[in-house]
C-alpha atoms as a PDB file:
ATOM      1  CA  MET A   1    -113.343  14.195  77.621  1.00  0.00           C
ATOM      2  CA  ALA A   2    -116.632  13.383  75.968  1.00  0.00           C
ATOM      3  CA  LYS A   3    -119.673  13.250  78.223  1.00  0.00           C
ATOM      4  CA  PHE A   4    -122.934  11.541  77.419  1.00  0.00           C
ATOM      5  CA  ILE A   5    -125.269  11.636  80.396  1.00  0.00           C
ATOM      6  CA  THR A   6    -128.936  11.958  81.281  1.00  0.00           C
ATOM      7  CA  ILE A   7    -129.657  14.920  83.563  1.00  0.00           C
ATOM      8  CA  THR A   8    -132.739  16.261  85.382  1.00  0.00           C
ATOM      9  CA  PRO A   9    -134.747  19.132  83.868  1.00  0.00           C
ATOM     10  CA  GLU A  10    -133.402  21.461  86.586  1.00  0.00           C
ATOM     11  CA  SER A  11    -129.799  20.445  85.777  1.00  0.00           C
ATOM     12  CA  ALA A  12    -130.562  21.026  82.106  1.00  0.00           C
ATOM     13  CA  ARG A  13    -131.756  24.565  82.873  1.00  0.00           C
ATOM     14  CA  ASP A  14    -128.575  25.199  84.883  1.00  0.00           C
ATOM     15  CA  LEU A  15    -126.480  23.828  82.018  1.00  0.00           C
ATOM     16  CA  MET A  16    -128.226  26.164  79.562  1.00  0.00           C
ATOM     17  CA  GLU A  17    -127.367  29.111  81.815  1.00  0.00           C
ATOM     18  CA  LYS A  18    -123.719  28.030  82.264  1.00  0.00           C
ATOM     19  CA  GLU A  19    -123.194  27.118  78.606  1.00  0.00           C
ATOM     20  CA  PRO A  20    -125.283  29.505  76.491  1.00  0.00           C
ATOM     21  CA  GLU A  21    -123.582  28.143  73.349  1.00  0.00           C
ATOM     22  CA  ILE A  22    -125.007  24.638  73.869  1.00  0.00           C
ATOM     23  CA  THR A  23    -127.299  23.472  71.068  1.00  0.00           C
ATOM     24  CA  ILE A  24    -130.737  22.358  72.282  1.00  0.00           C
ATOM     25  CA  LEU A  25    -132.289  19.669  70.089  1.00  0.00           C
ATOM     26  CA  ASP A  26    -136.006  18.917  70.287  1.00  0.00           C
ATOM     27  CA  ILE A  27    -136.428  15.546  68.566  1.00  0.00           C
ATOM     28  CA  ARG A  28    -140.227  15.442  68.896  1.00  0.00           C
ATOM     29  CA  PRO A  29    -142.522  15.673  65.851  1.00  0.00           C
ATOM     30  CA  HIS A  30    -142.648  19.142  64.293  1.00  0.00           C
ATOM     31  CA  GLU A  31    -146.345  19.588  65.191  1.00  0.00           C
ATOM     32  CA  ASP A  32    -145.510  19.133  68.905  1.00  0.00           C
ATOM     33  CA  PHE A  33    -142.547  21.503  68.595  1.00  0.00           C
ATOM     34  CA  LYS A  34    -144.774  24.197  67.062  1.00  0.00           C
ATOM     35  CA  LYS A  35    -147.248  24.005  69.979  1.00  0.00           C
ATOM     36  CA  GLU A  36    -144.559  24.634  72.606  1.00  0.00           C
ATOM     37  CA  HIS A  37    -140.904  23.909  73.244  1.00  0.00           C
ATOM     38  CA  ILE A  38    -137.927  24.830  75.390  1.00  0.00           C
ATOM     39  CA  PRO A  39    -136.694  28.352  74.511  1.00  0.00           C
ATOM     40  CA  GLY A  40    -133.798  28.270  72.060  1.00  0.00           C
ATOM     41  CA  ALA A  41    -134.477  24.703  70.918  1.00  0.00           C
ATOM     42  CA  VAL A  42    -134.064  23.571  67.322  1.00  0.00           C
ATOM     43  CA  ASN A  43    -136.463  20.924  65.996  1.00  0.00           C
ATOM     44  CA  LEU A  44    -134.956  17.783  64.498  1.00  0.00           C
ATOM     45  CA  ASP A  45    -137.917  15.399  64.134  1.00  0.00           C
ATOM     46  CA  TYR A  46    -136.750  11.917  65.142  1.00  0.00           C
ATOM     47  CA  ASP A  47    -139.409  10.286  62.971  1.00  0.00           C
ATOM     48  CA  GLY A  48    -139.045  12.768  60.156  1.00  0.00           C
ATOM     49  CA  HIS A  49    -137.627  12.169  56.717  1.00  0.00           C
ATOM     50  CA  GLN A  50    -133.837  12.153  56.331  1.00  0.00           C
ATOM     51  CA  PHE A  51    -133.277  12.139  60.093  1.00  0.00           C
ATOM     52  CA  GLN A  52    -129.902  10.421  59.729  1.00  0.00           C
ATOM     53  CA  SER A  53    -128.703  12.887  57.086  1.00  0.00           C
ATOM     54  CA  LYS A  54    -129.777  15.813  59.309  1.00  0.00           C
ATOM     55  CA  VAL A  55    -127.776  14.333  62.199  1.00  0.00           C
ATOM     56  CA  GLU A  56    -124.710  13.975  59.995  1.00  0.00           C
ATOM     57  CA  LYS A  57    -124.876  17.722  59.244  1.00  0.00           C
ATOM     58  CA  LEU A  58    -124.586  18.588  62.953  1.00  0.00           C
ATOM     59  CA  ASP A  59    -121.227  19.845  64.238  1.00  0.00           C
ATOM     60  CA  LYS A  60    -119.675  16.922  66.145  1.00  0.00           C
ATOM     61  CA  ASP A  61    -117.418  19.307  68.116  1.00  0.00           C
ATOM     62  CA  LYS A  62    -120.344  21.027  69.855  1.00  0.00           C
ATOM     63  CA  ASN A  63    -122.210  19.935  72.960  1.00  0.00           C
ATOM     64  CA  TYR A  64    -125.905  19.133  72.667  1.00  0.00           C
ATOM     65  CA  LEU A  65    -128.851  19.063  75.026  1.00  0.00           C
ATOM     66  CA  ILE A  66    -131.462  16.636  73.702  1.00  0.00           C
ATOM     67  CA  TYR A  67    -135.059  16.044  74.618  1.00  0.00           C
ATOM     68  CA  CYS A  68    -137.966  14.046  73.277  1.00  0.00           C
ATOM     69  CA  LYS A  69    -141.431  13.676  74.802  1.00  0.00           C
ATOM     70  CA  SER A  70    -140.564  11.280  77.661  1.00  0.00           C
ATOM     71  CA  GLY A  71    -136.784  10.824  77.609  1.00  0.00           C
ATOM     72  CA  VAL A  72    -136.628   7.360  76.014  1.00  0.00           C
ATOM     73  CA  ARG A  73    -135.876   8.373  72.424  1.00  0.00           C
ATOM     74  CA  GLY A  74    -133.571  11.100  73.713  1.00  0.00           C
ATOM     75  CA  GLY A  75    -131.468   8.447  75.458  1.00  0.00           C
ATOM     76  CA  TYR A  76    -131.385   6.297  72.336  1.00  0.00           C
ATOM     77  CA  PHE A  77    -130.425   9.317  70.227  1.00  0.00           C
ATOM     78  CA  MET A  78    -127.687  10.267  72.703  1.00  0.00           C
ATOM     79  CA  ASP A  79    -126.214   6.757  72.319  1.00  0.00           C
ATOM     80  CA  LYS A  80    -126.266   7.168  68.535  1.00  0.00           C
ATOM     81  CA  MET A  81    -124.412  10.476  68.865  1.00  0.00           C
ATOM     82  CA  ARG A  82    -121.763   8.773  71.032  1.00  0.00           C
ATOM     83  CA  GLU A  83    -121.337   6.023  68.408  1.00  0.00           C
ATOM     84  CA  SER A  84    -121.078   8.657  65.668  1.00  0.00           C
ATOM     85  CA  GLY A  85    -118.166  10.461  67.332  1.00  0.00           C
ATOM     86  CA  PHE A  86    -119.859  13.522  68.803  1.00  0.00           C
ATOM     87  CA  LYS A  87    -118.020  15.479  71.526  1.00  0.00           C
ATOM     88  CA  GLY A  88    -120.828  15.347  74.067  1.00  0.00           C
ATOM     89  CA  ALA A  89    -124.553  15.297  74.659  1.00  0.00           C
ATOM     90  CA  PHE A  90    -126.991  15.507  77.538  1.00  0.00           C
ATOM     91  CA  ASN A  91    -130.446  13.933  77.569  1.00  0.00           C
ATOM     92  CA  ILE A  92    -133.213  15.436  79.724  1.00  0.00           C
ATOM     93  CA  LEU A  93    -134.532  12.814  82.142  1.00  0.00           C
ATOM     94  CA  GLY A  94    -138.262  12.460  81.503  1.00  0.00           C
ATOM     95  CA  GLY A  95    -137.995  14.640  78.390  1.00  0.00           C
ATOM     96  CA  PHE A  96    -140.410  17.439  77.604  1.00  0.00           C
ATOM     97  CA  VAL A  97    -143.060  16.026  79.959  1.00  0.00           C
ATOM     98  CA  ALA A  98    -140.703  16.322  82.951  1.00  0.00           C
ATOM     99  CA  TRP A  99    -139.564  19.813  81.868  1.00  0.00           C
ATOM    100  CA  LYS A 100    -143.197  20.949  81.742  1.00  0.00           C
ATOM    101  CA  ILE A 101    -144.103  19.307  85.085  1.00  0.00           C
ATOM    102  CA  SER A 102    -141.092  21.101  86.614  1.00  0.00           C
ATOM    103  CA  LYS A 103    -142.684  24.378  85.444  1.00  0.00           C
ATOM    104  CA  LEU A 104    -139.557  25.439  83.565  1.00  0.00           C
ATOM    105  CA  PRO A 105    -139.705  28.054  80.768  1.00  0.00           C
ATOM    106  CA  LEU A 106    -141.582  27.251  77.542  1.00  0.00           C
ATOM    107  CA  THR A 107    -142.181  29.140  74.315  1.00  0.00           C
ATOM    108  CA  ASN A 108    -144.141  28.683  71.108  1.00  0.00           C
ATOM    109  CA  ASP A 109    -142.358  31.232  68.925  1.00  0.00           C
END
């Protein structure tokens, strides 16, 4: 059964530990991603060129953990994934800001 839900940063961390194969998508601008991001995340700039074509290249049978800066675009993107036939996606409530406030791991490599 496909799941598309918004979860807390702590639940997202737990999900990453339980499902190490989950794909983490950072949909913030590339400049923000370069400064710091959640470990293991892949940048897919929401406002970047060819965003839709990049999304269409994603494997619809995988589960995704999405985050933007504040959680709003992540929720919108999650809805788009549902409409496009993806298996499942999770949006981080409050996005990157909430993750950082929760003092969860960050990296800039």
